[in-house]
PDB file of N, CA and C in Angstrom:
ATOM      1  N   MET A   1     -75.077  88.585  43.967  1.00  0.00           N
ATOM      2  CA  MET A   1     -73.607  88.273  44.401  1.00  0.00           C
ATOM      3  C   MET A   1     -73.533  86.809  44.847  1.00  0.00           C
ATOM      4  N   THR A   2     -72.523  86.218  44.392  1.00  0.00           N
ATOM      5  CA  THR A   2     -72.305  84.952  44.761  1.00  0.00           C
ATOM      6  C   THR A   2     -71.295  84.916  46.133  1.00  0.00           C
ATOM      7  N   TYR A   3     -71.688  83.861  47.012  1.00  0.00           N
ATOM      8  CA  TYR A   3     -70.360  83.731  47.844  1.00  0.00           C
ATOM      9  C   TYR A   3     -69.470  82.475  47.755  1.00  0.00           C
ATOM     10  N   GLN A   4     -68.078  82.609  47.432  1.00  0.00           N
ATOM     11  CA  GLN A   4     -67.279  81.805  47.630  1.00  0.00           C
ATOM     12  C   GLN A   4     -66.149  81.908  48.330  1.00  0.00           C
ATOM     13  N   ARG A   5     -65.870  80.722  48.947  1.00  0.00           N
ATOM     14  CA  ARG A   5     -65.114  80.539  50.119  1.00  0.00           C
ATOM     15  C   ARG A   5     -63.651  80.206  49.254  1.00  0.00           C
ATOM     16  N   LYS A   6     -62.736  80.969  49.865  1.00  0.00           N
ATOM     17  CA  LYS A   6     -61.320  80.766  49.257  1.00  0.00           C
ATOM     18  C   LYS A   6     -60.593  80.069  50.324  1.00  0.00           C
ATOM     19  N   LEU A   7     -59.591  79.143  49.892  1.00  0.00           N
ATOM     20  CA  LEU A   7     -58.792  78.274  50.985  1.00  0.00           C
ATOM     21  C   LEU A   7     -57.540  79.284  51.212  1.00  0.00           C
ATOM     22  N   SER A   8     -56.836  78.992  52.093  1.00  0.00           N
ATOM     23  CA  SER A   8     -56.024  79.884  52.473  1.00  0.00           C
ATOM     24  C   SER A   8     -54.799  79.274  51.313  1.00  0.00           C
ATOM     25  N   ARG A   9     -53.506  79.877  51.066  1.00  0.00           N
ATOM     26  CA  ARG A   9     -52.754  79.377  50.345  1.00  0.00           C
ATOM     27  C   ARG A   9     -52.142  78.263  50.838  1.00  0.00           C
ATOM     28  N   SER A  10     -51.863  78.001  52.450  1.00  0.00           N
ATOM     29  CA  SER A  10     -51.212  76.993  52.930  1.00  0.00           C
ATOM     30  C   SER A  10     -52.016  75.424  52.360  1.00  0.00           C
ATOM     31  N   GLN A  11     -53.352  75.934  52.738  1.00  0.00           N
ATOM     32  CA  GLN A  11     -54.217  74.984  52.538  1.00  0.00           C
ATOM     33  C   GLN A  11     -54.308  74.367  50.886  1.00  0.00           C
ATOM     34  N   ASN A  12     -54.018  75.431  49.932  1.00  0.00           N
ATOM     35  CA  ASN A  12     -53.978  74.941  48.775  1.00  0.00           C
ATOM     36  C   ASN A  12     -52.587  74.379  48.490  1.00  0.00           C
ATOM     37  N   GLN A  13     -51.709  74.563  48.912  1.00  0.00           N
ATOM     38  CA  GLN A  13     -50.452  73.924  48.906  1.00  0.00           C
ATOM     39  C   GLN A  13     -50.338  72.352  49.191  1.00  0.00           C
ATOM     40  N   VAL A  14     -51.407  72.262  50.417  1.00  0.00           N
ATOM     41  CA  VAL A  14     -51.319  70.657  51.078  1.00  0.00           C
ATOM     42  C   VAL A  14     -51.926  70.129  50.262  1.00  0.00           C
ATOM     43  N   ILE A  15     -52.812  70.685  49.733  1.00  0.00           N
ATOM     44  CA  ILE A  15     -53.795  69.597  48.543  1.00  0.00           C
ATOM     45  C   ILE A  15     -53.112  69.659  47.580  1.00  0.00           C
ATOM     46  N   ALA A  16     -52.542  70.151  46.986  1.00  0.00           N
ATOM     47  CA  ALA A  16     -51.738  70.238  46.077  1.00  0.00           C
ATOM     48  C   ALA A  16     -50.607  69.160  45.929  1.00  0.00           C
ATOM     49  N   SER A  17     -50.237  69.103  46.847  1.00  0.00           N
ATOM     50  CA  SER A  17     -48.938  68.420  47.538  1.00  0.00           C
ATOM     51  C   SER A  17     -49.457  66.920  47.499  1.00  0.00           C
ATOM     52  N   VAL A  18     -50.758  66.949  48.314  1.00  0.00           N
ATOM     53  CA  VAL A  18     -51.057  65.168  48.520  1.00  0.00           C
ATOM     54  C   VAL A  18     -51.572  64.684  47.299  1.00  0.00           C
ATOM     55  N   ALA A  19     -52.318  65.588  46.442  1.00  0.00           N
ATOM     56  CA  ALA A  19     -52.728  65.202  45.073  1.00  0.00           C
ATOM     57  C   ALA A  19     -51.462  64.821  44.197  1.00  0.00           C
ATOM     58  N   GLU A  20     -50.448  65.362  44.109  1.00  0.00           N
ATOM     59  CA  GLU A  20     -49.261  65.252  43.421  1.00  0.00           C
ATOM     60  C   GLU A  20     -48.599  63.831  44.108  1.00  0.00           C
ATOM     61  N   TYR A  21     -48.411  63.733  45.232  1.00  0.00           N
ATOM     62  CA  TYR A  21     -47.882  62.631  45.783  1.00  0.00           C
ATOM     63  C   TYR A  21     -48.677  61.402  45.530  1.00  0.00           C
ATOM     64  N   LEU A  22     -49.822  61.311  45.513  1.00  0.00           N
ATOM     65  CA  LEU A  22     -50.826  60.243  45.179  1.00  0.00           C
ATOM     66  C   LEU A  22     -51.011  60.162  43.619  1.00  0.00           C
ATOM     67  N   ASP A  23     -50.597  61.097  42.916  1.00  0.00           N
ATOM     68  CA  ASP A  23     -50.939  60.959  41.646  1.00  0.00           C
ATOM     69  C   ASP A  23     -52.041  60.940  41.192  1.00  0.00           C
ATOM     70  N   TRP A  24     -53.042  62.096  42.116  1.00  0.00           N
ATOM     71  CA  TRP A  24     -54.724  62.171  41.773  1.00  0.00           C
ATOM     72  C   TRP A  24     -54.854  63.369  41.096  1.00  0.00           C
ATOM     73  N   ASP A  25     -56.123  63.588  40.777  1.00  0.00           N
ATOM     74  CA  ASP A  25     -56.635  64.759  40.308  1.00  0.00           C
ATOM     75  C   ASP A  25     -56.711  65.701  41.788  1.00  0.00           C
ATOM     76  N   ILE A  26     -56.399  67.000  41.531  1.00  0.00           N
ATOM     77  CA  ILE A  26     -56.727  67.630  42.894  1.00  0.00           C
ATOM     78  C   ILE A  26     -57.964  67.931  43.208  1.00  0.00           C
ATOM     79  N   ALA A  27     -58.958  68.099  41.882  1.00  0.00           N
ATOM     80  CA  ALA A  27     -60.294  68.004  42.422  1.00  0.00           C
ATOM     81  C   ALA A  27     -61.032  66.914  43.149  1.00  0.00           C
ATOM     82  N   LEU A  28     -60.288  65.821  43.255  1.00  0.00           N
ATOM     83  CA  LEU A  28     -60.806  64.767  44.058  1.00  0.00           C
ATOM     84  C   LEU A  28     -60.241  64.583  45.258  1.00  0.00           C
ATOM     85  N   VAL A  29     -58.813  65.220  45.478  1.00  0.00           N
ATOM     86  CA  VAL A  29     -58.191  65.724  46.820  1.00  0.00           C
ATOM     87  C   VAL A  29     -59.431  66.489  47.618  1.00  0.00           C
ATOM     88  N   LEU A  30     -59.619  67.627  46.960  1.00  0.00           N
ATOM     89  CA  LEU A  30     -60.383  68.616  47.544  1.00  0.00           C
ATOM     90  C   LEU A  30     -61.649  68.266  47.754  1.00  0.00           C
ATOM     91  N   ILE A  31     -62.306  67.388  47.111  1.00  0.00           N
ATOM     92  CA  ILE A  31     -63.701  66.803  47.457  1.00  0.00           C
ATOM     93  C   ILE A  31     -63.393  65.641  48.597  1.00  0.00           C
ATOM     94  N   LEU A  32     -62.646  64.913  48.770  1.00  0.00           N
ATOM     95  CA  LEU A  32     -62.205  64.377  50.289  1.00  0.00           C
ATOM     96  C   LEU A  32     -61.794  65.098  51.112  1.00  0.00           C
ATOM     97  N   TYR A  33     -61.139  65.970  50.967  1.00  0.00           N
ATOM     98  CA  TYR A  33     -60.853  66.967  52.253  1.00  0.00           C
ATOM     99  C   TYR A  33     -62.202  67.563  52.609  1.00  0.00           C
ATOM    100  N   LEU A  34     -63.124  67.974  51.880  1.00  0.00           N
ATOM    101  CA  LEU A  34     -64.494  68.587  52.199  1.00  0.00           C
ATOM    102  C   LEU A  34     -65.106  67.462  53.000  1.00  0.00           C
ATOM    103  N   ILE A  35     -65.284  66.380  52.481  1.00  0.00           N
ATOM    104  CA  ILE A  35     -66.038  65.311  52.885  1.00  0.00           C
ATOM    105  C   ILE A  35     -65.543  64.780  54.346  1.00  0.00           C
ATOM    106  N   ILE A  36     -64.541  65.082  54.643  1.00  0.00           N
ATOM    107  CA  ILE A  36     -63.452  64.531  56.039  1.00  0.00           C
ATOM    108  C   ILE A  36     -64.037  65.720  56.754  1.00  0.00           C
ATOM    109  N   SER A  37     -63.871  66.901  56.166  1.00  0.00           N
ATOM    110  CA  SER A  37     -64.003  68.234  56.879  1.00  0.00           C
ATOM    111  C   SER A  37     -65.544  68.142  57.659  1.00  0.00           C
ATOM    112  N   ILE A  38     -66.590  67.829  56.779  1.00  0.00           N
ATOM    113  CA  ILE A  38     -67.700  67.669  57.202  1.00  0.00           C
ATOM    114  C   ILE A  38     -68.033  66.444  58.279  1.00  0.00           C
ATOM    115  N   PHE A  39     -67.448  65.718  58.256  1.00  0.00           N
ATOM    116  CA  PHE A  39     -67.556  64.349  59.138  1.00  0.00           C
ATOM    117  C   PHE A  39     -66.999  64.595  60.345  1.00  0.00           C
ATOM    118  N   ARG A  40     -65.680  65.199  60.472  1.00  0.00           N
ATOM    119  CA  ARG A  40     -65.097  65.721  61.598  1.00  0.00           C
ATOM    120  C   ARG A  40     -65.836  66.677  62.449  1.00  0.00           C
ATOM    121  N   ALA A  41     -66.625  67.461  61.682  1.00  0.00           N
ATOM    122  CA  ALA A  41     -67.584  68.476  62.373  1.00  0.00           C
ATOM    123  C   ALA A  41     -68.450  67.882  63.056  1.00  0.00           C
ATOM    124  N   ALA A  42     -69.157  66.699  62.203  1.00  0.00           N
ATOM    125  CA  ALA A  42     -70.240  66.132  62.735  1.00  0.00           C
ATOM    126  C   ALA A  42     -70.405  65.062  64.100  1.00  0.00           C
ATOM    127  N   PHE A  43     -68.869  64.577  63.862  1.00  0.00           N
ATOM    128  CA  PHE A  43     -68.541  63.365  65.093  1.00  0.00           C
ATOM    129  C   PHE A  43     -69.006  63.898  66.423  1.00  0.00           C
ATOM    130  N   PRO A  44     -68.865  64.866  66.884  1.00  0.00           N
ATOM    131  CA  PRO A  44     -69.004  64.897  68.308  1.00  0.00           C
ATOM    132  C   PRO A  44     -70.658  64.852  68.502  1.00  0.00           C
ATOM    133  N   GLU A  45     -71.447  65.419  67.679  1.00  0.00           N
ATOM    134  CA  GLU A  45     -72.807  65.205  67.833  1.00  0.00           C
ATOM    135  C   GLU A  45     -73.268  63.972  67.655  1.00  0.00           C
ATOM    136  N   ILE A  46     -72.651  63.209  66.982  1.00  0.00           N
ATOM    137  CA  ILE A  46     -73.121  61.728  66.339  1.00  0.00           C
ATOM    138  C   ILE A  46     -72.875  60.944  68.038  1.00  0.00           C
ATOM    139  N   ILE A  47     -72.056  61.048  68.321  1.00  0.00           N
ATOM    140  CA  ILE A  47     -71.693  60.371  69.877  1.00  0.00           C
ATOM    141  C   ILE A  47     -72.436  60.898  70.605  1.00  0.00           C
ATOM    142  N   VAL A  48     -73.008  62.062  70.914  1.00  0.00           N
ATOM    143  CA  VAL A  48     -73.555  62.505  72.148  1.00  0.00           C
ATOM    144  C   VAL A  48     -74.901  61.911  71.754  1.00  0.00           C
ATOM    145  N   TYR A  49     -75.405  61.945  70.290  1.00  0.00           N
ATOM    146  CA  TYR A  49     -76.685  61.602  70.025  1.00  0.00           C
ATOM    147  C   TYR A  49     -76.771  59.854  70.473  1.00  0.00           C
ATOM    148  N   ILE A  50     -75.846  59.087  70.308  1.00  0.00           N
ATOM    149  CA  ILE A  50     -75.727  57.703  70.430  1.00  0.00           C
ATOM    150  C   ILE A  50     -75.735  57.267  72.004  1.00  0.00           C
ATOM    151  N   HIS A  51     -75.207  58.446  72.717  1.00  0.00           N
ATOM    152  CA  HIS A  51     -75.255  58.130  74.115  1.00  0.00           C
ATOM    153  C   HIS A  51     -76.288  58.309  74.751  1.00  0.00           C
ATOM    154  N   THR A  52     -76.527  59.394  74.160  1.00  0.00           N
ATOM    155  CA  THR A  52     -78.013  59.905  75.124  1.00  0.00           C
ATOM    156  C   THR A  52     -79.399  58.953  74.538  1.00  0.00           C
ATOM    157  N   ASN A  53     -79.256  58.309  73.438  1.00  0.00           N
ATOM    158  CA  ASN A  53     -80.339  57.352  72.993  1.00  0.00           C
ATOM    159  C   ASN A  53     -79.998  56.232  73.401  1.00  0.00           C
ATOM    160  N   SER A  54     -78.983  55.638  73.997  1.00  0.00           N
ATOM    161  CA  SER A  54     -79.048  54.359  73.959  1.00  0.00           C
ATOM    162  C   SER A  54     -79.539  53.677  75.316  1.00  0.00           C
ATOM    163  N   SER A  55     -80.016  52.553  75.285  1.00  0.00           N
ATOM    164  CA  SER A  55     -80.859  52.016  76.047  1.00  0.00           C
ATOM    165  C   SER A  55     -79.994  50.816  77.020  1.00  0.00           C
ATOM    166  N   LEU A  56     -79.051  51.140  77.525  1.00  0.00           N
ATOM    167  CA  LEU A  56     -77.948  50.481  78.586  1.00  0.00           C
ATOM    168  C   LEU A  56     -78.434  50.596  79.788  1.00  0.00           C
TER     169      LEU A  56
END
């Protein structure tokens, strides 16, 4: 059995609207959305790591 995360209807509508507005493929907008989500989640840890390992 495979796990598949489904986006909510509102997320699908936003991604489709952005793709239509930019005249891009929906798959490209979805990939960008996933990349931004990953970096947004990792950003606080990166700041803490830089702060704790700085030699000021």
